[in-house]
Amino acid sequence: MRLLTALLALMLGALLAPQPASAATTLIYSTFKGDGAADQELWIYQSTNGGTSYSVLSDTNFRGPTGVLRDPSILKHNGRYYIAYTVQSWTTNSTYFAIATSTNLTSWSTVASVPAGIAGANYTWAPEFYVENGVVRIITSVASTACAWCFRPYVYTAQNTALTSWSGPSQMWGLGTNHIDTFVVKSGSTWHAFTKNETTKYIEHWTTTANLYEGWINRGTLWSAGYEGPSLVRLDDGRWRIYVDKYTNGGVWTATSSDLNTWTGLSAVGCSGCRHGTATVK
């Protein structure tokens, strides 16, 4: 009886004892550093504190087929990492975006160059991965000479698991003209798009319950003007973290939300030199 009592006491003590906090999931952030020739290449950063600060994991020196790499969007897919990225500076015409892959986040190789597929396309910017039900898509901002800065978001869909073949473009109808850097996530039956209005310079929140391609409704602006490149990642506790590029004076900033509708204020991210990029779980 005494032995049983002692065992029960030990078990109860183990249950009541404070449990160690679980470590935050390690995040990686893909980025470039600026408009200078030496800064338009791929950098990979890493965070172990939930994405509020990052340290350099790899300066890859990868620049892609044109020697210019900007706005890299990162995806972990079938045991490999992929980035989709802009292939020219914002002052130079671009008619396609590119995709590269790596197994170690350091050595990268181009696997596809995807044409905009829009007549007269002269700017093809900020391709962002979006995955739903195992289907990999990329949402890209494209403008044409018919309206040089009238960007619209278009969707391209992978045709194989290696992400070397793509169909598209398909326009996201209802999400107005002159929007860039459109990043989409889905929660429940609602699609949420976060995008920069290139006229007002505000990040806007749009939603639809129809499908990815139609029915988009503007739900309003977020924070103040002067941010671009929104990207989101889901945290361990179910919250969403958004990153935005404060391009007016540099630096990546972040906020969190439990429902994608109400957000905290922005705070600076410890990520020295980082610009428009995306995060994913390592």
C-alpha atoms as a PDB file:
ATOM      1  CA  MET A   1       0.000   0.000   0.000  1.00  0.00           C
ATOM      2  CA  ARG A   2       2.822   2.402   0.905  1.00  0.00           C
ATOM      3  CA  LEU A   3       4.507   1.648  -2.442  1.00  0.00           C
ATOM      4  CA  LEU A   4       1.276   2.283  -4.356  1.00  0.00           C
ATOM      5  CA  THR A   5       0.749   5.539  -2.491  1.00  0.00           C
ATOM      6  CA  ALA A   6       4.285   6.641  -3.298  1.00  0.00           C
ATOM      7  CA  LEU A   7       3.832   5.819  -6.983  1.00  0.00           C
ATOM      8  CA  LEU A   8       0.566   7.736  -7.156  1.00  0.00           C
ATOM      9  CA  ALA A   9       2.245  10.728  -5.523  1.00  0.00           C
ATOM     10  CA  LEU A  10       5.052  10.657  -8.057  1.00  0.00           C
ATOM     11  CA  MET A  11       2.612  10.455 -10.948  1.00  0.00           C
ATOM     12  CA  LEU A  12       0.518  13.322  -9.592  1.00  0.00           C
ATOM     13  CA  GLY A  13       3.622  15.409  -9.076  1.00  0.00           C
ATOM     14  CA  ALA A  14       4.701  14.823 -12.664  1.00  0.00           C
ATOM     15  CA  LEU A  15       1.309  15.915 -13.924  1.00  0.00           C
ATOM     16  CA  LEU A  16       1.258  19.071 -11.830  1.00  0.00           C
ATOM     17  CA  ALA A  17       4.867  20.086 -12.397  1.00  0.00           C
ATOM     18  CA  PRO A  18       5.414  22.970 -14.841  1.00  0.00           C
ATOM     19  CA  GLN A  19       6.098  21.662 -18.337  1.00  0.00           C
ATOM     20  CA  PRO A  20       8.927  23.153 -20.411  1.00  0.00           C
ATOM     21  CA  ALA A  21       7.751  25.453 -23.186  1.00  0.00           C
ATOM     22  CA  SER A  22       7.971  23.916 -26.609  1.00  0.00           C
ATOM     23  CA  ALA A  23      10.515  25.509 -28.904  1.00  0.00           C
ATOM     24  CA  ALA A  24       9.159  27.736 -31.647  1.00  0.00           C
ATOM     25  CA  THR A  25       9.216  26.233 -35.102  1.00  0.00           C
ATOM     26  CA  THR A  26      12.275  27.336 -37.037  1.00  0.00           C
ATOM     27  CA  LEU A  27      11.377  29.720 -39.858  1.00  0.00           C
ATOM     28  CA  ILE A  28      13.427  30.670 -42.866  1.00  0.00           C
ATOM     29  CA  TYR A  29      13.128  33.936 -44.763  1.00  0.00           C
ATOM     30  CA  SER A  30      14.180  34.407 -48.377  1.00  0.00           C
ATOM     31  CA  THR A  31      15.117  37.933 -49.394  1.00  0.00           C
ATOM     32  CA  PHE A  32      17.312  40.272 -51.386  1.00  0.00           C
ATOM     33  CA  LYS A  33      18.952  43.402 -49.992  1.00  0.00           C
ATOM     34  CA  GLY A  34      18.369  46.397 -52.255  1.00  0.00           C
ATOM     35  CA  ASP A  35      18.671  48.064 -55.634  1.00  0.00           C
ATOM     36  CA  GLY A  36      22.455  47.993 -55.928  1.00  0.00           C
ATOM     37  CA  ALA A  37      23.970  45.426 -58.281  1.00  0.00           C
ATOM     38  CA  ALA A  38      25.602  43.556 -55.407  1.00  0.00           C
ATOM     39  CA  ASP A  39      22.350  43.436 -53.407  1.00  0.00           C
ATOM     40  CA  GLN A  40      20.097  41.819 -55.999  1.00  0.00           C
ATOM     41  CA  GLU A  41      20.861  38.224 -55.088  1.00  0.00           C
ATOM     42  CA  LEU A  42      19.345  35.559 -52.838  1.00  0.00           C
ATOM     43  CA  TRP A  43      19.896  35.617 -49.077  1.00  0.00           C
ATOM     44  CA  ILE A  44      18.409  33.062 -46.679  1.00  0.00           C
ATOM     45  CA  TYR A  45      17.819  34.019 -43.036  1.00  0.00           C
ATOM     46  CA  GLN A  46      16.680  31.855 -40.109  1.00  0.00           C
ATOM     47  CA  SER A  47      14.572  32.506 -36.996  1.00  0.00           C
ATOM     48  CA  THR A  48      14.083  30.328 -33.920  1.00  0.00           C
ATOM     49  CA  ASN A  49      11.929  32.789 -31.954  1.00  0.00           C
ATOM     50  CA  GLY A  50       8.713  32.820 -33.951  1.00  0.00           C
ATOM     51  CA  GLY A  51       9.879  35.156 -36.680  1.00  0.00           C
ATOM     52  CA  THR A  52      10.500  38.395 -34.783  1.00  0.00           C
ATOM     53  CA  SER A  53      14.246  38.348 -35.508  1.00  0.00           C
ATOM     54  CA  TYR A  54      16.449  36.530 -38.011  1.00  0.00           C
ATOM     55  CA  SER A  55      20.117  35.763 -38.525  1.00  0.00           C
ATOM     56  CA  VAL A  56      21.935  34.960 -41.752  1.00  0.00           C
ATOM     57  CA  LEU A  57      21.796  31.293 -42.717  1.00  0.00           C
ATOM     58  CA  SER A  58      23.278  31.629 -46.211  1.00  0.00           C
ATOM     59  CA  ASP A  59      24.435  34.305 -48.638  1.00  0.00           C
ATOM     60  CA  THR A  60      23.865  32.059 -51.635  1.00  0.00           C
ATOM     61  CA  ASN A  61      25.330  34.402 -54.293  1.00  0.00           C
ATOM     62  CA  PHE A  62      22.543  33.075 -56.535  1.00  0.00           C
ATOM     63  CA  ARG A  63      21.335  35.624 -59.105  1.00  0.00           C
ATOM     64  CA  GLY A  64      19.490  33.536 -61.677  1.00  0.00           C
ATOM     65  CA  PRO A  65      19.697  33.781 -65.473  1.00  0.00           C
ATOM     66  CA  THR A  66      19.806  37.593 -65.708  1.00  0.00           C
ATOM     67  CA  GLY A  67      22.176  38.311 -62.833  1.00  0.00           C
ATOM     68  CA  VAL A  68      19.319  40.046 -61.005  1.00  0.00           C
ATOM     69  CA  LEU A  69      17.154  38.410 -58.338  1.00  0.00           C
ATOM     70  CA  ARG A  70      14.459  40.266 -56.363  1.00  0.00           C
ATOM     71  CA  ASP A  71      11.320  39.510 -54.337  1.00  0.00           C
ATOM     72  CA  PRO A  72      12.010  35.793 -53.751  1.00  0.00           C
ATOM     73  CA  SER A  73       9.006  33.752 -52.599  1.00  0.00           C
ATOM     74  CA  ILE A  74       9.988  30.476 -50.917  1.00  0.00           C
ATOM     75  CA  LEU A  75       8.158  27.140 -50.806  1.00  0.00           C
ATOM     76  CA  LYS A  76       9.003  23.751 -49.296  1.00  0.00           C
ATOM     77  CA  HIS A  77       7.624  21.121 -51.665  1.00  0.00           C
ATOM     78  CA  ASN A  78       8.282  17.379 -52.091  1.00  0.00           C
ATOM     79  CA  GLY A  79      11.388  17.495 -49.915  1.00  0.00           C
ATOM     80  CA  ARG A  80      12.965  20.399 -51.776  1.00  0.00           C
ATOM     81  CA  TYR A  81      12.954  24.178 -51.475  1.00  0.00           C
ATOM     82  CA  TYR A  82      11.797  26.371 -54.346  1.00  0.00           C
ATOM     83  CA  ILE A  83      11.904  30.104 -54.923  1.00  0.00           C
ATOM     84  CA  ALA A  84       9.999  32.145 -57.486  1.00  0.00           C
ATOM     85  CA  TYR A  85      11.507  35.554 -58.160  1.00  0.00           C
ATOM     86  CA  THR A  86      11.610  38.751 -60.214  1.00  0.00           C
ATOM     87  CA  VAL A  87      14.409  38.699 -62.801  1.00  0.00           C
ATOM     88  CA  GLN A  88      15.015  42.427 -63.407  1.00  0.00           C
ATOM     89  CA  SER A  89      15.203  45.630 -61.394  1.00  0.00           C
ATOM     90  CA  TRP A  90      12.090  47.772 -61.106  1.00  0.00           C
ATOM     91  CA  THR A  91      13.507  50.158 -63.744  1.00  0.00           C
ATOM     92  CA  THR A  92      14.111  47.442 -66.364  1.00  0.00           C
ATOM     93  CA  ASN A  93      11.540  45.639 -68.492  1.00  0.00           C
ATOM     94  CA  SER A  94      10.812  42.029 -67.596  1.00  0.00           C
ATOM     95  CA  THR A  95       8.553  39.655 -69.519  1.00  0.00           C
ATOM     96  CA  TYR A  96       8.843  36.544 -67.331  1.00  0.00           C
ATOM     97  CA  PHE A  97       9.581  35.311 -63.831  1.00  0.00           C
ATOM     98  CA  ALA A  98      11.857  32.436 -62.848  1.00  0.00           C
ATOM     99  CA  ILE A  99      11.871  29.475 -60.463  1.00  0.00           C
ATOM    100  CA  ALA A 100      14.885  27.841 -58.803  1.00  0.00           C
ATOM    101  CA  THR A 101      15.307  24.890 -56.448  1.00  0.00           C
ATOM    102  CA  SER A 102      17.658  23.659 -53.712  1.00  0.00           C
ATOM    103  CA  THR A 103      17.940  20.816 -51.228  1.00  0.00           C
ATOM    104  CA  ASN A 104      20.211  22.639 -48.764  1.00  0.00           C
ATOM    105  CA  LEU A 105      19.172  26.339 -49.007  1.00  0.00           C
ATOM    106  CA  THR A 106      22.687  27.220 -50.198  1.00  0.00           C
ATOM    107  CA  SER A 107      23.148  25.835 -53.724  1.00  0.00           C
ATOM    108  CA  TRP A 108      20.377  26.836 -56.128  1.00  0.00           C
ATOM    109  CA  SER A 109      19.635  26.079 -59.777  1.00  0.00           C
ATOM    110  CA  THR A 110      17.022  27.500 -62.137  1.00  0.00           C
ATOM    111  CA  VAL A 111      14.346  25.010 -63.201  1.00  0.00           C
ATOM    112  CA  ALA A 112      11.886  27.228 -65.098  1.00  0.00           C
ATOM    113  CA  SER A 113      11.420  30.603 -66.730  1.00  0.00           C
ATOM    114  CA  VAL A 114       7.700  31.343 -66.952  1.00  0.00           C
ATOM    115  CA  PRO A 115       6.559  33.907 -69.533  1.00  0.00           C
ATOM    116  CA  ALA A 116       3.991  36.468 -68.415  1.00  0.00           C
ATOM    117  CA  GLY A 117       1.727  35.456 -71.286  1.00  0.00           C
ATOM    118  CA  ILE A 118       0.223  38.957 -71.435  1.00  0.00           C
ATOM    119  CA  ALA A 119       0.349  40.911 -74.693  1.00  0.00           C
ATOM    120  CA  GLY A 120       2.912  43.694 -74.404  1.00  0.00           C
ATOM    121  CA  ALA A 121       3.989  42.692 -70.898  1.00  0.00           C
ATOM    122  CA  ASN A 122       6.793  44.961 -69.751  1.00  0.00           C
ATOM    123  CA  TYR A 123       6.904  44.388 -65.984  1.00  0.00           C
ATOM    124  CA  THR A 124       6.508  40.946 -64.386  1.00  0.00           C
ATOM    125  CA  TRP A 125       6.939  41.350 -60.665  1.00  0.00           C
ATOM    126  CA  ALA A 126       6.835  39.592 -57.294  1.00  0.00           C
ATOM    127  CA  PRO A 127       5.713  36.018 -58.056  1.00  0.00           C
ATOM    128  CA  GLU A 128       4.214  34.580 -54.851  1.00  0.00           C
ATOM    129  CA  PHE A 129       3.533  30.899 -54.167  1.00  0.00           C
ATOM    130  CA  TYR A 130       0.020  29.810 -53.194  1.00  0.00           C
ATOM    131  CA  VAL A 131      -0.754  26.133 -52.488  1.00  0.00           C
ATOM    132  CA  GLU A 132      -4.228  24.664 -52.079  1.00  0.00           C
ATOM    133  CA  ASN A 133      -5.155  20.972 -51.950  1.00  0.00           C
ATOM    134  CA  GLY A 134      -1.665  20.072 -53.140  1.00  0.00           C
ATOM    135  CA  VAL A 135      -1.886  22.279 -56.237  1.00  0.00           C
ATOM    136  CA  VAL A 136       0.984  24.765 -56.509  1.00  0.00           C
ATOM    137  CA  ARG A 137       0.156  28.152 -57.985  1.00  0.00           C
ATOM    138  CA  ILE A 138       2.020  31.428 -58.355  1.00  0.00           C
ATOM    139  CA  ILE A 139       0.368  34.848 -58.243  1.00  0.00           C
ATOM    140  CA  THR A 140       2.326  37.457 -60.194  1.00  0.00           C
ATOM    141  CA  SER A 141       1.878  41.204 -60.765  1.00  0.00           C
ATOM    142  CA  VAL A 142       2.010  42.051 -64.487  1.00  0.00           C
ATOM    143  CA  ALA A 143       1.776  45.371 -66.333  1.00  0.00           C
ATOM    144  CA  SER A 144       1.803  45.957 -70.075  1.00  0.00           C
ATOM    145  CA  THR A 145       2.782  48.768 -72.414  1.00  0.00           C
ATOM    146  CA  ALA A 146      -0.929  49.430 -72.997  1.00  0.00           C
ATOM    147  CA  CYS A 147      -1.011  50.783 -69.442  1.00  0.00           C
ATOM    148  CA  ALA A 148       2.576  50.827 -68.269  1.00  0.00           C
ATOM    149  CA  TRP A 149       1.920  50.901 -64.500  1.00  0.00           C
ATOM    150  CA  CYS A 150      -1.552  49.329 -64.427  1.00  0.00           C
ATOM    151  CA  PHE A 151      -0.530  46.158 -62.645  1.00  0.00           C
ATOM    152  CA  ARG A 152      -2.976  43.298 -62.210  1.00  0.00           C
ATOM    153  CA  PRO A 153      -2.555  39.968 -60.376  1.00  0.00           C
ATOM    154  CA  TYR A 154      -2.460  36.827 -62.535  1.00  0.00           C
ATOM    155  CA  VAL A 155      -2.397  33.175 -61.479  1.00  0.00           C
ATOM    156  CA  TYR A 156      -0.068  30.528 -62.964  1.00  0.00           C
ATOM    157  CA  THR A 157      -0.556  26.823 -62.129  1.00  0.00           C
ATOM    158  CA  ALA A 158       2.108  24.117 -61.953  1.00  0.00           C
ATOM    159  CA  GLN A 159       1.582  21.258 -64.398  1.00  0.00           C
ATOM    160  CA  ASN A 160       4.010  18.818 -62.768  1.00  0.00           C
ATOM    161  CA  THR A 161       5.477  18.080 -59.350  1.00  0.00           C
ATOM    162  CA  ALA A 162       8.934  19.337 -60.335  1.00  0.00           C
ATOM    163  CA  LEU A 163       7.454  22.805 -60.997  1.00  0.00           C
ATOM    164  CA  THR A 164       9.121  22.991 -64.399  1.00  0.00           C
ATOM    165  CA  SER A 165       5.914  23.370 -66.440  1.00  0.00           C
ATOM    166  CA  TRP A 166       3.215  26.012 -65.903  1.00  0.00           C
ATOM    167  CA  SER A 167      -0.139  27.051 -67.330  1.00  0.00           C
ATOM    168  CA  GLY A 168      -1.713  30.504 -67.201  1.00  0.00           C
ATOM    169  CA  PRO A 169      -2.163  33.330 -66.831  1.00  0.00           C
ATOM    170  CA  SER A 170      -5.623  33.550 -65.254  1.00  0.00           C
ATOM    171  CA  GLN A 171      -6.670  36.951 -63.949  1.00  0.00           C
ATOM    172  CA  MET A 172      -7.994  37.479 -60.407  1.00  0.00           C
ATOM    173  CA  TRP A 173     -11.158  39.317 -61.411  1.00  0.00           C
ATOM    174  CA  GLY A 174     -12.448  42.036 -59.121  1.00  0.00           C
ATOM    175  CA  LEU A 175      -9.106  42.776 -57.505  1.00  0.00           C
ATOM    176  CA  GLY A 176      -8.609  46.217 -58.982  1.00  0.00           C
ATOM    177  CA  THR A 177      -6.112  47.594 -61.438  1.00  0.00           C
ATOM    178  CA  ASN A 178      -2.773  48.916 -60.206  1.00  0.00           C
ATOM    179  CA  HIS A 179      -2.203  46.445 -57.400  1.00  0.00           C
ATOM    180  CA  ILE A 180       1.193  44.793 -56.889  1.00  0.00           C
ATOM    181  CA  ASP A 181       2.714  42.215 -54.530  1.00  0.00           C
ATOM    182  CA  THR A 182      -0.480  40.192 -54.066  1.00  0.00           C
ATOM    183  CA  PHE A 183      -0.151  37.420 -51.465  1.00  0.00           C
ATOM    184  CA  VAL A 184      -3.032  34.981 -50.844  1.00  0.00           C
ATOM    185  CA  VAL A 185      -3.877  32.583 -48.019  1.00  0.00           C
ATOM    186  CA  LYS A 186      -7.067  30.631 -47.363  1.00  0.00           C
ATOM    187  CA  SER A 187      -8.790  30.226 -43.996  1.00  0.00           C
ATOM    188  CA  GLY A 188     -11.896  28.067 -43.841  1.00  0.00           C
ATOM    189  CA  SER A 189     -13.993  28.885 -46.898  1.00  0.00           C
ATOM    190  CA  THR A 190     -12.550  32.371 -47.381  1.00  0.00           C
ATOM    191  CA  TRP A 191      -9.617  33.446 -49.522  1.00  0.00           C
ATOM    192  CA  HIS A 192      -7.683  36.458 -48.204  1.00  0.00           C
ATOM    193  CA  ALA A 193      -5.458  38.615 -50.412  1.00  0.00           C
ATOM    194  CA  PHE A 194      -3.024  41.199 -49.088  1.00  0.00           C
ATOM    195  CA  THR A 195      -1.807  43.559 -51.791  1.00  0.00           C
ATOM    196  CA  LYS A 196      -0.286  47.001 -52.277  1.00  0.00           C
ATOM    197  CA  ASN A 197      -2.336  49.685 -53.997  1.00  0.00           C
ATOM    198  CA  GLU A 198       0.337  51.273 -56.170  1.00  0.00           C
ATOM    199  CA  THR A 199      -1.635  54.539 -56.342  1.00  0.00           C
ATOM    200  CA  THR A 200      -2.294  55.128 -52.635  1.00  0.00           C
ATOM    201  CA  LYS A 201       0.772  53.142 -51.403  1.00  0.00           C
ATOM    202  CA  TYR A 202      -1.376  51.354 -48.782  1.00  0.00           C
ATOM    203  CA  ILE A 203      -1.517  47.618 -48.101  1.00  0.00           C
ATOM    204  CA  GLU A 204      -5.113  46.498 -48.719  1.00  0.00           C
ATOM    205  CA  HIS A 205      -7.011  43.430 -47.489  1.00  0.00           C
ATOM    206  CA  TRP A 206      -9.355  41.731 -49.976  1.00  0.00           C
ATOM    207  CA  THR A 207     -11.511  38.618 -49.547  1.00  0.00           C
ATOM    208  CA  THR A 208     -13.680  36.275 -51.584  1.00  0.00           C
ATOM    209  CA  THR A 209     -15.776  33.200 -50.822  1.00  0.00           C
ATOM    210  CA  ALA A 210     -16.263  32.307 -54.500  1.00  0.00           C
ATOM    211  CA  ASN A 211     -12.841  31.055 -55.602  1.00  0.00           C
ATOM    212  CA  LEU A 212      -9.333  32.332 -56.208  1.00  0.00           C
ATOM    213  CA  TYR A 213     -10.283  33.945 -59.517  1.00  0.00           C
ATOM    214  CA  GLU A 214     -13.383  36.031 -58.837  1.00  0.00           C
ATOM    215  CA  GLY A 215     -15.623  37.795 -56.349  1.00  0.00           C
ATOM    216  CA  TRP A 216     -12.908  39.814 -54.619  1.00  0.00           C
ATOM    217  CA  ILE A 217     -14.111  42.539 -52.234  1.00  0.00           C
ATOM    218  CA  ASN A 218     -11.919  45.272 -50.718  1.00  0.00           C
ATOM    219  CA  ARG A 219     -12.081  45.096 -46.905  1.00  0.00           C
ATOM    220  CA  GLY A 220      -9.989  48.217 -46.342  1.00  0.00           C
ATOM    221  CA  THR A 221      -6.433  49.411 -45.771  1.00  0.00           C
ATOM    222  CA  LEU A 222      -3.909  48.355 -43.133  1.00  0.00           C
ATOM    223  CA  TRP A 223      -1.549  50.570 -41.128  1.00  0.00           C
ATOM    224  CA  SER A 224      -0.123  53.644 -42.875  1.00  0.00           C
ATOM    225  CA  ALA A 225       1.074  54.254 -46.420  1.00  0.00           C
ATOM    226  CA  GLY A 226       4.629  53.385 -47.418  1.00  0.00           C
ATOM    227  CA  TYR A 227       4.765  49.584 -47.120  1.00  0.00           C
ATOM    228  CA  GLU A 228       4.829  46.892 -49.811  1.00  0.00           C
ATOM    229  CA  GLY A 229       5.632  43.213 -50.361  1.00  0.00           C
ATOM    230  CA  PRO A 230       3.176  41.644 -47.875  1.00  0.00           C
ATOM    231  CA  SER A 231       3.737  37.955 -47.091  1.00  0.00           C
ATOM    232  CA  LEU A 232       2.229  35.670 -44.449  1.00  0.00           C
ATOM    233  CA  VAL A 233       3.241  32.599 -42.470  1.00  0.00           C
ATOM    234  CA  ARG A 234       1.211  30.494 -39.990  1.00  0.00           C
ATOM    235  CA  LEU A 235       2.703  30.229 -36.498  1.00  0.00           C
ATOM    236  CA  ASP A 236       2.694  27.281 -34.082  1.00  0.00           C
ATOM    237  CA  ASP A 237      -0.143  28.737 -32.015  1.00  0.00           C
ATOM    238  CA  GLY A 238      -2.410  29.227 -35.027  1.00  0.00           C
ATOM    239  CA  ARG A 239      -1.853  32.956 -35.403  1.00  0.00           C
ATOM    240  CA  TRP A 240      -0.810  34.496 -38.689  1.00  0.00           C
ATOM    241  CA  ARG A 241       2.299  36.643 -38.997  1.00  0.00           C
ATOM    242  CA  ILE A 242       2.539  39.163 -41.823  1.00  0.00           C
ATOM    243  CA  TYR A 243       5.745  40.756 -43.079  1.00  0.00           C
ATOM    244  CA  VAL A 244       5.871  44.021 -45.036  1.00  0.00           C
ATOM    245  CA  ASP A 245       8.761  45.939 -46.578  1.00  0.00           C
ATOM    246  CA  LYS A 246       9.051  49.555 -45.411  1.00  0.00           C
ATOM    247  CA  TYR A 247      10.602  50.554 -48.697  1.00  0.00           C
ATOM    248  CA  THR A 248      10.550  54.274 -47.893  1.00  0.00           C
ATOM    249  CA  ASN A 249      13.420  53.978 -45.404  1.00  0.00           C
ATOM    250  CA  GLY A 250      14.215  50.266 -45.338  1.00  0.00           C
ATOM    251  CA  GLY A 251      13.547  47.348 -43.092  1.00  0.00           C
ATOM    252  CA  VAL A 252      11.025  44.542 -42.741  1.00  0.00           C
ATOM    253  CA  TRP A 253       8.134  45.013 -40.293  1.00  0.00           C
ATOM    254  CA  THR A 254       5.643  42.540 -38.865  1.00  0.00           C
ATOM    255  CA  ALA A 255       2.219  42.201 -37.227  1.00  0.00           C
ATOM    256  CA  THR A 256       0.083  39.256 -36.092  1.00  0.00           C
ATOM    257  CA  SER A 257      -3.570  38.245 -36.304  1.00  0.00           C
ATOM    258  CA  SER A 258      -5.686  35.347 -35.093  1.00  0.00           C
ATOM    259  CA  ASP A 259      -8.351  35.753 -37.802  1.00  0.00           C
ATOM    260  CA  LEU A 260      -6.698  37.640 -40.717  1.00  0.00           C
ATOM    261  CA  ASN A 261      -9.125  40.524 -40.170  1.00  0.00           C
ATOM    262  CA  THR A 262      -7.842  42.286 -37.046  1.00  0.00           C
ATOM    263  CA  TRP A 263      -4.125  42.968 -36.790  1.00  0.00           C
ATOM    264  CA  THR A 264      -1.711  44.223 -34.168  1.00  0.00           C
ATOM    265  CA  GLY A 265       0.377  47.285 -34.865  1.00  0.00           C
ATOM    266  CA  LEU A 266       3.572  46.909 -36.870  1.00  0.00           C
ATOM    267  CA  SER A 267       6.943  46.368 -35.212  1.00  0.00           C
ATOM    268  CA  ALA A 268      10.400  46.198 -36.768  1.00  0.00           C
ATOM    269  CA  VAL A 269      11.883  42.767 -37.467  1.00  0.00           C
ATOM    270  CA  GLY A 270      15.492  42.097 -36.545  1.00  0.00           C
ATOM    271  CA  CYS A 271      16.656  41.097 -40.016  1.00  0.00           C
ATOM    272  CA  SER A 272      19.553  43.299 -41.031  1.00  0.00           C
ATOM    273  CA  GLY A 273      19.386  44.335 -44.668  1.00  0.00           C
ATOM    274  CA  CYS A 274      16.249  42.327 -45.457  1.00  0.00           C
ATOM    275  CA  ARG A 275      13.765  43.483 -48.080  1.00  0.00           C
ATOM    276  CA  HIS A 276      10.668  42.098 -49.763  1.00  0.00           C
ATOM    277  CA  GLY A 277      10.690  38.312 -49.264  1.00  0.00           C
ATOM    278  CA  THR A 278       8.722  35.481 -47.687  1.00  0.00           C
ATOM    279  CA  ALA A 279       8.966  33.090 -44.738  1.00  0.00           C
ATOM    280  CA  THR A 280       8.212  29.401 -44.424  1.00  0.00           C
ATOM    281  CA  VAL A 281       8.700  26.636 -41.895  1.00  0.00           C
ATOM    282  CA  LYS A 282      12.134  25.067 -42.249  1.00  0.00           C
END
